[in-house]
Amino acid sequence: MTYQERNNSFDEHGSWEISKNGKILMLKAARGRPQQFSIPDADTLRQLDANGHEIQSKFNYDLKRASAFASLASK
């Protein structure tokens, strides 16, 4: 993870799975709580709260697919 507007980043390892209905992605870190994301379309993941609901906030919790692949090995 890299935080915008901060000089801070870290790596986290774990596993992931998609719900049977194909609408939720769950990231399971080796430590800490799982994170859930809805899949509104093929190019977007939207972070959900700890109960699996959309976060009500003025901030944007959408992750958009990059136009090109960027290898983590090069960073």
N, C-alpha and C. Protein backbone atom coordinates (compact mmCIF):
# COMPACT_ATOMS: atom_id res chain seq x y z
N MET A 1 0.85 -1.17 0.00
CA MET A 1 0.00 0.00 0.00
C MET A 1 0.88 1.23 0.00
N THR A 2 0.49 2.18 -0.77
CA THR A 2 1.16 3.47 -0.78
C THR A 2 0.10 4.54 -0.55
N TYR A 3 0.34 5.39 0.41
CA TYR A 3 -0.61 6.44 0.73
C TYR A 3 -0.29 7.69 -0.08
N GLN A 4 -1.31 8.26 -0.72
CA GLN A 4 -1.12 9.50 -1.44
C GLN A 4 -0.86 10.62 -0.44
N GLU A 5 -0.05 11.56 -0.81
CA GLU A 5 0.27 12.74 -0.01
C GLU A 5 1.02 12.40 1.28
N ARG A 6 1.55 11.17 1.37
CA ARG A 6 2.39 10.79 2.51
C ARG A 6 3.59 10.05 1.97
N ASN A 7 4.66 10.13 2.65
CA ASN A 7 5.86 9.40 2.25
C ASN A 7 5.90 8.09 3.04
N ASN A 8 4.89 7.24 2.83
CA ASN A 8 4.76 6.02 3.61
C ASN A 8 4.15 4.92 2.75
N SER A 9 4.79 3.75 2.76
CA SER A 9 4.23 2.60 2.04
C SER A 9 4.65 1.33 2.75
N PHE A 10 3.90 0.24 2.53
CA PHE A 10 4.24 -1.04 3.12
C PHE A 10 3.65 -2.17 2.29
N ASP A 11 4.25 -3.35 2.44
CA ASP A 11 3.77 -4.55 1.76
C ASP A 11 3.02 -5.41 2.75
N GLU A 12 2.00 -6.10 2.24
CA GLU A 12 1.22 -6.99 3.08
C GLU A 12 0.95 -8.25 2.28
N HIS A 13 1.11 -9.41 2.89
CA HIS A 13 0.93 -10.68 2.20
C HIS A 13 -0.30 -11.39 2.75
N GLY A 14 -0.93 -12.19 1.91
CA GLY A 14 -2.10 -12.94 2.34
C GLY A 14 -2.74 -13.65 1.16
N SER A 15 -4.05 -13.79 1.20
CA SER A 15 -4.78 -14.46 0.13
C SER A 15 -6.03 -13.65 -0.20
N TRP A 16 -6.70 -14.04 -1.26
CA TRP A 16 -7.92 -13.35 -1.65
C TRP A 16 -8.93 -14.37 -2.17
N GLU A 17 -10.20 -13.98 -2.15
CA GLU A 17 -11.25 -14.81 -2.74
C GLU A 17 -12.40 -13.92 -3.18
N ILE A 18 -13.12 -14.39 -4.17
CA ILE A 18 -14.31 -13.69 -4.68
C ILE A 18 -15.53 -14.47 -4.23
N SER A 19 -16.56 -13.76 -3.79
CA SER A 19 -17.78 -14.41 -3.32
C SER A 19 -18.42 -15.24 -4.43
N LYS A 20 -19.26 -16.18 -4.04
CA LYS A 20 -19.91 -17.06 -5.01
C LYS A 20 -20.74 -16.28 -6.03
N ASN A 21 -21.31 -15.15 -5.62
CA ASN A 21 -22.11 -14.35 -6.55
C ASN A 21 -21.25 -13.41 -7.40
N GLY A 22 -19.92 -13.39 -7.15
CA GLY A 22 -19.00 -12.58 -7.95
C GLY A 22 -19.06 -11.09 -7.69
N LYS A 23 -19.67 -10.68 -6.56
CA LYS A 23 -19.84 -9.25 -6.30
C LYS A 23 -18.93 -8.69 -5.20
N ILE A 24 -18.25 -9.58 -4.45
CA ILE A 24 -17.40 -9.13 -3.35
C ILE A 24 -16.03 -9.79 -3.46
N LEU A 25 -14.98 -8.98 -3.32
CA LEU A 25 -13.61 -9.46 -3.22
C LEU A 25 -13.18 -9.31 -1.77
N MET A 26 -12.63 -10.39 -1.18
CA MET A 26 -12.14 -10.33 0.18
C MET A 26 -10.64 -10.56 0.18
N LEU A 27 -9.90 -9.63 0.78
CA LEU A 27 -8.46 -9.75 0.95
C LEU A 27 -8.21 -10.20 2.37
N LYS A 28 -7.50 -11.31 2.53
CA LYS A 28 -7.20 -11.85 3.85
C LYS A 28 -5.70 -11.73 4.09
N ALA A 29 -5.33 -10.74 4.88
CA ALA A 29 -3.92 -10.52 5.19
C ALA A 29 -3.44 -11.57 6.19
N ALA A 30 -2.14 -11.80 6.19
CA ALA A 30 -1.57 -12.74 7.15
C ALA A 30 -1.82 -12.25 8.58
N ARG A 31 -1.89 -10.93 8.76
CA ARG A 31 -2.20 -10.34 10.07
C ARG A 31 -3.36 -9.37 9.88
N GLY A 32 -4.11 -9.14 10.92
CA GLY A 32 -5.16 -8.14 10.87
C GLY A 32 -6.47 -8.67 10.32
N ARG A 33 -7.41 -7.76 10.15
CA ARG A 33 -8.76 -8.10 9.70
C ARG A 33 -8.82 -8.17 8.18
N PRO A 34 -9.70 -9.03 7.66
CA PRO A 34 -9.90 -9.06 6.21
C PRO A 34 -10.48 -7.73 5.72
N GLN A 35 -10.17 -7.38 4.47
CA GLN A 35 -10.77 -6.20 3.84
C GLN A 35 -11.71 -6.69 2.75
N GLN A 36 -12.84 -6.00 2.61
CA GLN A 36 -13.83 -6.36 1.60
C GLN A 36 -14.01 -5.22 0.61
N PHE A 37 -14.20 -5.60 -0.65
CA PHE A 37 -14.44 -4.65 -1.73
C PHE A 37 -15.59 -5.14 -2.57
N SER A 38 -16.52 -4.26 -2.93
CA SER A 38 -17.53 -4.62 -3.91
C SER A 38 -16.90 -4.48 -5.30
N ILE A 39 -17.51 -5.15 -6.28
CA ILE A 39 -17.02 -5.10 -7.66
C ILE A 39 -18.14 -4.50 -8.51
N PRO A 40 -18.23 -3.15 -8.56
CA PRO A 40 -19.32 -2.52 -9.31
C PRO A 40 -19.23 -2.72 -10.82
N ASP A 41 -18.00 -2.82 -11.35
CA ASP A 41 -17.81 -3.08 -12.78
C ASP A 41 -16.43 -3.68 -12.99
N ALA A 42 -16.09 -4.01 -14.21
CA ALA A 42 -14.84 -4.71 -14.52
C ALA A 42 -13.59 -3.89 -14.23
N ASP A 43 -13.72 -2.58 -14.03
CA ASP A 43 -12.56 -1.71 -13.81
C ASP A 43 -12.50 -1.08 -12.43
N THR A 44 -13.43 -1.47 -11.52
CA THR A 44 -13.53 -0.78 -10.24
C THR A 44 -13.69 -1.76 -9.08
N LEU A 45 -12.95 -1.48 -8.00
CA LEU A 45 -13.18 -2.11 -6.69
C LEU A 45 -13.56 -0.99 -5.74
N ARG A 46 -14.56 -1.21 -4.88
CA ARG A 46 -14.99 -0.19 -3.93
C ARG A 46 -14.85 -0.75 -2.52
N GLN A 47 -14.03 -0.11 -1.69
CA GLN A 47 -13.79 -0.61 -0.34
C GLN A 47 -15.08 -0.56 0.47
N LEU A 48 -15.31 -1.62 1.25
CA LEU A 48 -16.47 -1.73 2.13
C LEU A 48 -16.02 -1.63 3.58
N ASP A 49 -16.96 -1.34 4.48
CA ASP A 49 -16.61 -1.27 5.90
C ASP A 49 -16.49 -2.68 6.48
N ALA A 50 -16.19 -2.79 7.76
CA ALA A 50 -15.95 -4.08 8.41
C ALA A 50 -17.17 -4.99 8.37
N ASN A 51 -18.37 -4.42 8.17
CA ASN A 51 -19.60 -5.21 8.09
C ASN A 51 -20.01 -5.52 6.66
N GLY A 52 -19.18 -5.12 5.68
CA GLY A 52 -19.49 -5.40 4.29
C GLY A 52 -20.44 -4.41 3.64
N HIS A 53 -20.58 -3.21 4.23
CA HIS A 53 -21.45 -2.17 3.68
C HIS A 53 -20.61 -1.07 3.04
N GLU A 54 -21.21 -0.35 2.08
CA GLU A 54 -20.50 0.78 1.48
C GLU A 54 -20.20 1.83 2.53
N ILE A 55 -19.05 2.45 2.43
CA ILE A 55 -18.62 3.47 3.38
C ILE A 55 -19.27 4.79 3.00
N GLN A 56 -19.99 5.38 3.95
CA GLN A 56 -20.63 6.68 3.72
C GLN A 56 -19.64 7.77 4.13
N SER A 57 -19.07 8.44 3.13
CA SER A 57 -18.03 9.43 3.39
C SER A 57 -17.92 10.38 2.21
N LYS A 58 -17.31 11.54 2.45
CA LYS A 58 -17.03 12.47 1.36
C LYS A 58 -15.81 12.01 0.56
N PHE A 59 -15.05 11.03 1.09
CA PHE A 59 -13.86 10.53 0.42
C PHE A 59 -14.22 9.46 -0.60
N ASN A 60 -13.38 9.28 -1.59
CA ASN A 60 -13.59 8.30 -2.65
C ASN A 60 -12.87 7.01 -2.27
N TYR A 61 -13.61 5.93 -2.11
CA TYR A 61 -13.04 4.63 -1.74
C TYR A 61 -12.97 3.68 -2.93
N ASP A 62 -13.00 4.21 -4.14
CA ASP A 62 -12.90 3.39 -5.35
C ASP A 62 -11.45 3.21 -5.77
N LEU A 63 -11.11 2.00 -6.19
CA LEU A 63 -9.83 1.70 -6.81
C LEU A 63 -10.11 1.41 -8.27
N LYS A 64 -9.43 2.11 -9.17
CA LYS A 64 -9.63 1.94 -10.60
C LYS A 64 -8.48 1.16 -11.22
N ARG A 65 -8.82 0.32 -12.19
CA ARG A 65 -7.81 -0.46 -12.90
C ARG A 65 -6.86 0.47 -13.66
N ALA A 66 -5.57 0.21 -13.55
CA ALA A 66 -4.57 0.99 -14.28
C ALA A 66 -4.63 0.63 -15.76
N SER A 67 -4.26 1.56 -16.60
CA SER A 67 -4.30 1.32 -18.05
C SER A 67 -3.19 0.37 -18.50
N ALA A 68 -2.11 0.27 -17.70
CA ALA A 68 -1.00 -0.62 -18.04
C ALA A 68 -0.50 -1.32 -16.79
N PHE A 69 0.00 -2.53 -16.95
CA PHE A 69 0.54 -3.30 -15.84
C PHE A 69 1.86 -2.70 -15.37
N ALA A 70 2.03 -2.58 -14.06
CA ALA A 70 3.27 -2.10 -13.48
C ALA A 70 3.78 -3.17 -12.52
N SER A 71 4.88 -3.79 -12.83
CA SER A 71 5.43 -4.87 -12.02
C SER A 71 5.87 -4.37 -10.65
N LEU A 72 5.54 -5.11 -9.60
CA LEU A 72 6.00 -4.76 -8.26
C LEU A 72 7.49 -4.99 -8.12
N ALA A 73 8.04 -5.90 -8.92
CA ALA A 73 9.46 -6.21 -8.84
C ALA A 73 10.33 -5.02 -9.22
N SER A 74 9.80 -4.11 -10.01
CA SER A 74 10.59 -2.97 -10.47
C SER A 74 10.60 -1.82 -9.45
N LYS A 75 9.86 -1.96 -8.37
CA LYS A 75 9.76 -0.87 -7.38
C LYS A 75 10.67 -1.10 -6.21
